[in-house]
Amino acid sequence: MNDQHNPEFKPTKTVPNTHVDLSDIINLFDLEKRAAEIMTKMAYEYVASGAADELTVRWNRESLDNLKLNPSVLRDVSQLDTRISLFGDELPYPILIAPTAFHKIMHPEGELATARGAGVASATYVISSFTTTPLEEIAEVATQPLWFQLYVQDDRSLVKDLVQKAEAVGCRALCVTVDTPVPGIRNRQDRVNFRLPDEVKAPYMHGLGDQKKLLTWADIDWLNSFSNIPVLLKGILNPADAEQAVQAGVSGIIVSNHSGRNLDTVPATIDVLPGIANQVNKRVPLLMDGGIRRGTDVLKALAQGADAVLVGKPVCFGLACGGADGVSKVMTILRTEFELAMTLTGRTTIASIDRSVIWKPA
């Protein structure tokens, strides 16, 4: 399934191609194959790669694939309701655009195209701290809710200013990444000598993430003390950490292994999700990312306790292939597949998706 590990599956272009026919793209795996053909090798390796031997990257997919569904038949599935509510906003379906970095290496319009594509697809977009476009410019073109993902850097005054800037432009939530005190071992990135082109800048981050981002629970208390928007912690894999997050007063948790990009051999997010859901027990919203490629994956994540999922790498591939149109195509494919999965398992509302959707041997 993961064609990027096939030696015949190599990006062939040296400059981004912004004119790609998307009409024959049927699923997200098709889209990655197309992206590999038109992205620069450096950009493709940046998006597709994981940490070290990429075992966690593979497990994210394998664990989702290995979960079997348990459909119920002869249900009235003539009407579906996929709406959810998060922090006062009603989302038409439970799939968000995850924060990913450096969109201008994938498409000349960068994060502006991502925001426009999110608008067409009625999707919430979580902007990365490593955006290559200023927040106010993204907000100007956005027509759907924006969230902001935060790396806490050493200069806390700059961090506070950035949080307040995100609030000022209308971001509705703050996702604090807590699993990256240092970057992981990324051999594929190193082999292509990844660096930003001279004309591409990340205005809110310096040193391209090489500096340590050391934070503790005291910093979460500090962020909560002045943030006027909900604070979520992104990168929780441990039920004990989830409990401490709830006790610290965070507004939500994102179960994430950084898409397998930091510490290799940590478990797939779908595998740790049920234990964290049991611990949190619906006290705060629980989101999950990592390996989502099919509508059935979304269904499985919700059945295992997530309130919503986030999708990252496919959005980058869609952006590379078609700008805003490619981004909206990714989200539309996933939304359509999710609705079909609900219909075929006999579930018509989000509330009806529980662990009975997952098949268990007798």
Protein backbone atom coordinates (compact mmCIF):
# COMPACT_ATOMS: atom_id res chain seq x y z
CA MET A 1 0.00 0.00 0.00
CA ASN A 2 2.82 2.41 0.83
CA ASP A 3 4.27 2.84 -2.63
CA GLN A 4 6.87 5.35 -1.41
CA HIS A 5 8.96 2.38 -0.22
CA ASN A 6 9.03 0.93 -3.75
CA PRO A 7 12.34 1.82 -5.46
CA GLU A 8 10.42 2.35 -8.72
CA PHE A 9 8.22 4.98 -7.03
CA LYS A 10 10.31 8.14 -7.35
CA PRO A 11 9.52 11.80 -7.88
CA THR A 12 10.79 12.80 -11.30
CA LYS A 13 10.38 16.58 -11.48
CA THR A 14 12.68 19.31 -10.25
CA VAL A 15 10.14 22.14 -10.06
CA PRO A 16 6.52 22.13 -8.82
CA ASN A 17 3.89 21.51 -11.49
CA THR A 18 0.76 23.54 -10.81
CA HIS A 19 -1.37 22.30 -13.72
CA VAL A 20 -2.42 18.72 -13.09
CA ASP A 21 -5.60 17.05 -14.33
CA LEU A 22 -7.39 15.75 -11.24
CA SER A 23 -10.33 14.21 -13.08
CA ASP A 24 -9.00 10.66 -12.93
CA ILE A 25 -8.04 10.80 -9.23
CA ILE A 26 -10.31 8.26 -7.52
CA ASN A 27 -8.79 7.95 -4.04
CA LEU A 28 -6.02 9.38 -1.89
CA PHE A 29 -3.53 6.69 -2.88
CA ASP A 30 -3.96 7.76 -6.51
CA LEU A 31 -3.25 11.30 -5.43
CA GLU A 32 0.03 10.42 -3.73
CA LYS A 33 1.22 8.59 -6.85
CA ARG A 34 0.41 11.65 -8.95
CA ALA A 35 2.11 13.95 -6.45
CA ALA A 36 5.28 11.85 -6.55
CA GLU A 37 5.43 12.43 -10.31
CA ILE A 38 5.16 16.20 -10.18
CA MET A 39 6.66 17.35 -6.85
CA THR A 40 10.30 18.20 -6.44
CA LYS A 41 12.17 15.28 -4.91
CA MET A 42 13.04 17.36 -1.86
CA ALA A 43 9.43 18.41 -1.27
CA TYR A 44 8.08 14.90 -1.82
CA GLU A 45 10.59 13.33 0.58
CA TYR A 46 9.77 15.98 3.17
CA VAL A 47 6.07 15.18 3.07
CA ALA A 48 6.16 11.42 2.59
CA SER A 49 8.97 10.44 4.93
CA GLY A 50 8.93 9.46 8.56
CA ALA A 51 11.46 8.89 11.32
CA ALA A 52 14.30 6.38 11.15
CA ASP A 53 13.04 3.06 9.69
CA GLU A 54 9.48 4.39 9.33
CA LEU A 55 7.96 1.51 11.24
CA THR A 56 5.42 3.76 12.94
CA VAL A 57 4.47 5.25 9.57
CA ARG A 58 3.69 1.73 8.37
CA TRP A 59 1.92 0.72 11.56
CA ASN A 60 -0.42 3.72 11.36
CA ARG A 61 -1.76 2.25 8.13
CA GLU A 62 -1.54 -1.41 9.04
CA SER A 63 -3.43 -0.98 12.30
CA LEU A 64 -6.25 0.85 10.56
CA ASP A 65 -6.31 -1.79 7.81
CA ASN A 66 -6.42 -4.62 10.35
CA LEU A 67 -9.49 -3.30 12.17
CA LYS A 68 -12.55 -5.06 10.74
CA LEU A 69 -15.99 -3.52 10.54
CA ASN A 70 -19.20 -5.01 11.94
CA PRO A 71 -22.10 -3.74 9.80
CA SER A 72 -25.73 -3.70 10.87
CA VAL A 73 -28.27 -4.28 8.10
CA LEU A 74 -31.90 -3.40 7.42
CA ARG A 75 -31.52 0.01 9.04
CA ASP A 76 -33.14 3.13 7.60
CA VAL A 77 -30.10 4.91 6.18
CA SER A 78 -32.00 7.31 3.94
CA GLN A 79 -30.83 10.32 6.00
CA LEU A 80 -27.34 10.84 7.38
CA ASP A 81 -26.25 13.48 9.87
CA THR A 82 -22.46 13.90 10.03
CA ARG A 83 -22.41 17.18 11.92
CA ILE A 84 -20.31 17.67 15.04
CA SER A 85 -19.81 20.58 17.42
CA LEU A 86 -16.32 21.61 18.54
CA PHE A 87 -15.74 24.62 20.78
CA GLY A 88 -18.93 26.34 19.70
CA ASP A 89 -18.53 25.76 15.97
CA GLU A 90 -20.70 23.31 14.05
CA LEU A 91 -18.63 21.31 11.57
CA PRO A 92 -20.51 19.56 8.75
CA TYR A 93 -18.33 16.45 9.08
CA PRO A 94 -15.65 15.27 11.55
CA ILE A 95 -12.52 15.66 9.40
CA LEU A 96 -10.13 18.60 9.84
CA ILE A 97 -7.02 19.63 7.92
CA ALA A 98 -4.01 18.86 10.12
CA PRO A 99 -1.17 21.34 10.55
CA THR A 100 1.64 20.72 8.06
CA ALA A 101 4.64 22.89 7.27
CA PHE A 102 6.03 24.81 4.32
CA HIS A 103 3.14 24.76 1.86
CA LYS A 104 4.96 26.98 -0.64
CA ILE A 105 7.39 24.16 -1.43
CA MET A 106 4.36 22.20 -2.62
CA HIS A 107 2.50 24.93 -4.52
CA PRO A 108 3.35 28.58 -5.29
CA GLU A 109 0.21 29.83 -3.53
CA GLY A 110 1.06 27.88 -0.40
CA GLU A 111 -1.26 28.21 2.57
CA LEU A 112 -3.56 30.58 0.67
CA ALA A 113 -4.49 27.71 -1.63
CA THR A 114 -4.94 25.40 1.34
CA ALA A 115 -7.30 27.86 3.01
CA ARG A 116 -9.27 28.35 -0.20
CA GLY A 117 -9.53 24.58 -0.69
CA ALA A 118 -10.69 24.19 2.90
CA GLY A 119 -13.37 26.77 2.23
CA VAL A 120 -14.68 24.94 -0.83
CA ALA A 121 -14.76 21.69 1.15
CA SER A 122 -16.30 23.26 4.29
CA ALA A 123 -13.33 22.09 6.36
CA THR A 124 -11.57 23.58 9.37
CA TYR A 125 -7.88 24.23 8.64
CA VAL A 126 -5.24 24.07 11.38
CA ILE A 127 -2.41 26.41 10.34
CA SER A 128 1.13 25.31 11.20
CA SER A 129 3.65 27.44 13.08
CA PHE A 130 5.84 26.66 10.08
CA THR A 131 3.47 28.41 7.70
CA THR A 132 5.17 30.12 4.77
CA THR A 133 2.37 32.69 4.58
CA PRO A 134 1.56 35.27 7.29
CA LEU A 135 -1.51 34.52 9.37
CA GLU A 136 -3.37 37.68 8.40
CA GLU A 137 -3.09 36.83 4.70
CA ILE A 138 -4.48 33.35 5.30
CA ALA A 139 -7.33 34.77 7.36
CA GLU A 140 -8.24 37.16 4.56
CA VAL A 141 -9.07 34.30 2.16
CA ALA A 142 -10.47 31.81 4.69
CA THR A 143 -14.20 31.15 4.68
CA GLN A 144 -14.19 28.31 7.22
CA PRO A 145 -12.86 28.20 10.80
CA LEU A 146 -9.11 28.40 11.31
CA TRP A 147 -7.15 26.90 14.19
CA PHE A 148 -3.47 27.47 14.92
CA GLN A 149 -0.80 24.91 15.80
CA LEU A 150 1.88 26.22 18.15
CA TYR A 151 5.46 25.23 18.81
CA VAL A 152 6.59 26.81 22.07
CA GLN A 153 9.99 28.37 21.40
CA ASP A 154 12.54 29.57 23.94
CA ASP A 155 11.56 33.22 23.67
CA ARG A 156 8.27 33.16 25.58
CA SER A 157 7.48 36.80 24.73
CA LEU A 158 7.52 35.88 21.04
CA VAL A 159 5.30 32.89 21.79
CA LYS A 160 2.78 35.07 23.60
CA ASP A 161 2.80 37.59 20.75
CA LEU A 162 2.19 34.78 18.25
CA VAL A 163 -0.73 33.36 20.23
CA GLN A 164 -2.26 36.81 20.43
CA LYS A 165 -1.72 37.33 16.70
CA ALA A 166 -3.51 34.03 16.00
CA GLU A 167 -6.38 35.14 18.19
CA ALA A 168 -6.50 38.56 16.54
CA VAL A 169 -6.88 37.12 13.03
CA GLY A 170 -9.72 34.90 14.21
CA CYS A 171 -8.20 31.47 14.92
CA ARG A 172 -10.71 29.52 17.00
CA ALA A 173 -8.41 27.09 18.83
CA LEU A 174 -4.75 26.63 19.72
CA CYS A 175 -3.12 23.21 19.18
CA VAL A 176 0.10 23.02 21.18
CA THR A 177 2.50 20.37 19.88
CA VAL A 178 3.95 18.57 22.92
CA ASP A 179 5.81 15.62 21.36
CA THR A 180 8.72 17.46 19.72
CA PRO A 181 11.27 18.83 22.17
CA VAL A 182 13.81 18.01 19.45
CA PRO A 183 13.34 16.87 15.83
CA GLY A 184 13.39 13.14 15.21
CA ILE A 185 15.80 11.14 13.06
CA ARG A 186 14.64 11.74 9.50
CA ASN A 187 16.98 9.81 7.23
CA ARG A 188 15.07 10.40 4.00
CA GLN A 189 15.06 14.15 4.56
CA ASP A 190 18.75 14.07 5.33
CA ARG A 191 19.52 12.13 2.14
CA VAL A 192 17.98 14.87 0.00
CA ASN A 193 19.61 17.59 2.14
CA PHE A 194 16.26 19.21 2.85
CA ARG A 195 16.24 23.00 3.09
CA LEU A 196 13.85 25.74 2.15
CA PRO A 197 14.46 27.49 -1.17
CA ASP A 198 15.86 30.98 -0.67
CA GLU A 199 12.59 32.60 -1.73
CA VAL A 200 10.49 30.66 0.81
CA LYS A 201 10.40 31.90 4.41
CA ALA A 202 8.72 30.69 7.59
CA PRO A 203 7.94 34.01 9.30
CA TYR A 204 7.19 32.65 12.76
CA MET A 205 9.93 30.06 13.16
CA HIS A 206 13.68 30.48 13.06
CA GLY A 207 16.34 27.85 12.46
CA LEU A 208 13.87 25.59 10.65
CA GLY A 209 13.07 23.66 13.80
CA ASP A 210 16.64 22.77 14.72
CA GLN A 211 16.40 24.51 18.07
CA LYS A 212 15.05 22.65 21.07
CA LYS A 213 11.44 23.37 21.99
CA LEU A 214 11.50 22.56 25.66
CA LEU A 215 8.24 22.92 27.53
CA THR A 216 6.70 21.41 30.62
CA TRP A 217 3.30 21.25 32.28
CA ALA A 218 4.10 24.64 33.81
CA ASP A 219 4.16 26.08 30.29
CA ILE A 220 0.71 24.65 29.62
CA ASP A 221 -0.52 26.43 32.75
CA TRP A 222 1.12 29.60 31.42
CA LEU A 223 -0.54 29.30 28.02
CA ASN A 224 -3.92 28.67 29.62
CA SER A 225 -3.45 31.76 31.77
CA PHE A 226 -3.64 34.18 28.84
CA SER A 227 -5.10 32.29 25.88
CA ASN A 228 -8.58 33.47 25.01
CA ILE A 229 -9.25 30.46 22.78
CA PRO A 230 -9.38 26.74 23.63
CA VAL A 231 -5.99 25.09 24.15
CA LEU A 232 -5.53 21.52 22.87
CA LEU A 233 -2.45 19.35 23.35
CA LYS A 234 -1.25 17.60 20.20
CA GLY A 235 0.98 14.56 20.57
CA ILE A 236 -0.55 12.55 23.43
CA LEU A 237 -0.04 8.76 23.29
CA ASN A 238 -0.14 7.88 26.97
CA PRO A 239 -3.34 7.67 29.06
CA ALA A 240 -1.46 9.07 32.07
CA ASP A 241 -0.48 12.12 30.03
CA ALA A 242 -4.07 12.45 28.85
CA GLU A 243 -5.26 12.47 32.46
CA GLN A 244 -2.70 15.09 33.41
CA ALA A 245 -3.79 17.19 30.45
CA VAL A 246 -7.39 17.11 31.63
CA GLN A 247 -6.29 17.99 35.14
CA ALA A 248 -4.26 20.88 33.71
CA GLY A 249 -7.45 22.33 32.27
CA VAL A 250 -6.82 21.88 28.56
CA SER A 251 -9.83 22.06 26.29
CA GLY A 252 -8.99 19.08 24.08
CA ILE A 253 -6.47 16.37 23.22
CA ILE A 254 -5.10 15.27 19.88
CA VAL A 255 -3.89 11.67 19.91
CA SER A 256 -0.92 11.88 17.56
CA ASN A 257 2.46 10.28 16.89
CA HIS A 258 3.43 13.14 14.59
CA SER A 259 2.59 10.91 11.62
CA GLY A 260 5.55 8.73 12.55
CA ARG A 261 7.97 11.61 11.89
CA ASN A 262 9.62 11.95 15.32
CA LEU A 263 10.10 8.82 17.42
CA ASP A 264 10.00 5.61 15.43
CA THR A 265 8.47 2.43 16.91
CA VAL A 266 5.84 4.22 18.98
CA PRO A 267 2.47 2.54 18.41
CA ALA A 268 -0.12 3.50 15.83
CA THR A 269 -2.50 6.17 17.05
CA ILE A 270 -5.56 4.00 16.42
CA ASP A 271 -4.06 1.39 18.76
CA VAL A 272 -3.63 3.77 21.70
CA LEU A 273 -6.85 5.68 21.08
CA PRO A 274 -9.25 3.35 22.99
CA GLY A 275 -7.18 3.47 26.17
CA ILE A 276 -6.95 7.25 26.05
CA ALA A 277 -10.68 7.52 25.30
CA ASN A 278 -11.43 5.36 28.34
CA GLN A 279 -9.22 7.56 30.51
CA VAL A 280 -10.61 10.86 29.25
CA ASN A 281 -14.20 9.57 29.36
CA LYS A 282 -15.61 12.42 27.26
CA ARG A 283 -14.45 15.15 29.66
CA VAL A 284 -12.82 16.99 26.73
CA PRO A 285 -12.99 16.46 22.96
CA LEU A 286 -10.59 13.84 21.64
CA LEU A 287 -9.15 14.06 18.13
CA MET A 288 -6.78 11.70 16.30
CA ASP A 289 -4.41 11.89 13.36
CA GLY A 290 -2.02 9.43 11.71
CA GLY A 291 -2.55 7.33 8.62
CA ILE A 292 -6.07 8.46 7.69
CA ARG A 293 -6.53 7.66 3.99
CA ARG A 294 -10.06 6.21 3.69
CA GLY A 295 -13.53 7.04 4.88
CA THR A 296 -13.54 3.72 6.73
CA ASP A 297 -10.50 4.98 8.67
CA VAL A 298 -12.54 7.95 9.88
CA LEU A 299 -15.37 5.63 10.92
CA LYS A 300 -12.95 3.37 12.83
CA ALA A 301 -11.38 6.30 14.66
CA LEU A 302 -14.76 7.59 15.78
CA ALA A 303 -15.79 4.07 16.81
CA GLN A 304 -12.65 3.82 18.95
CA GLY A 305 -13.39 7.05 20.79
CA ALA A 306 -12.34 10.04 18.67
CA ASP A 307 -14.69 12.98 18.19
CA ALA A 308 -12.93 13.92 14.93
CA VAL A 309 -9.82 13.18 12.91
CA LEU A 310 -7.21 15.28 11.16
CA VAL A 311 -5.57 14.52 7.82
CA GLY A 312 -2.19 15.93 6.83
CA LYS A 313 -0.02 14.27 4.20
CA PRO A 314 -2.86 13.73 1.68
CA VAL A 315 -3.71 17.44 1.89
CA CYS A 316 -0.08 18.25 1.03
CA PHE A 317 -0.24 15.90 -1.96
CA GLY A 318 -3.52 17.45 -3.07
CA LEU A 319 -2.05 20.92 -2.70
CA ALA A 320 0.95 19.93 -4.82
CA CYS A 321 -1.22 18.47 -7.55
CA GLY A 322 -3.93 21.07 -7.79
CA GLY A 323 -3.65 23.92 -5.33
CA ALA A 324 -7.01 24.77 -3.79
CA ASP A 325 -8.77 22.31 -6.10
CA GLY A 326 -6.48 19.51 -4.95
CA VAL A 327 -7.06 20.29 -1.28
CA SER A 328 -10.82 20.35 -1.71
CA LYS A 329 -10.66 17.10 -3.68
CA VAL A 330 -8.89 15.37 -0.78
CA MET A 331 -11.49 16.46 1.72
CA THR A 332 -14.40 15.71 -0.60
CA ILE A 333 -13.13 12.19 -1.31
CA LEU A 334 -12.74 11.46 2.41
CA ARG A 335 -16.10 12.98 3.29
CA THR A 336 -17.88 10.98 0.59
CA GLU A 337 -16.17 7.75 1.59
CA PHE A 338 -17.01 8.38 5.25
CA GLU A 339 -20.69 8.89 4.41
CA LEU A 340 -20.71 5.68 2.40
CA ALA A 341 -19.05 3.82 5.29
CA MET A 342 -21.71 5.09 7.68
CA THR A 343 -24.47 4.01 5.30
CA LEU A 344 -23.01 0.56 4.73
CA THR A 345 -22.56 -0.10 8.45
CA GLY A 346 -26.06 1.09 9.28
CA ARG A 347 -25.05 4.19 11.23
CA THR A 348 -26.87 7.41 10.46
CA THR A 349 -25.54 9.80 13.12
CA ILE A 350 -22.18 10.47 14.70
CA ALA A 351 -23.60 9.40 18.07
CA SER A 352 -24.48 5.99 16.64
CA ILE A 353 -20.84 5.27 15.79
CA ASP A 354 -19.52 3.37 18.79
CA ARG A 355 -17.31 0.35 19.42
CA SER A 356 -20.01 -2.00 18.21
CA VAL A 357 -18.98 -0.86 14.71
CA ILE A 358 -15.71 -2.75 15.18
CA TRP A 359 -15.90 -6.53 14.59
CA LYS A 360 -14.70 -8.74 17.42
CA PRO A 361 -14.19 -12.50 17.05
CA ALA A 362 -16.75 -14.61 18.91
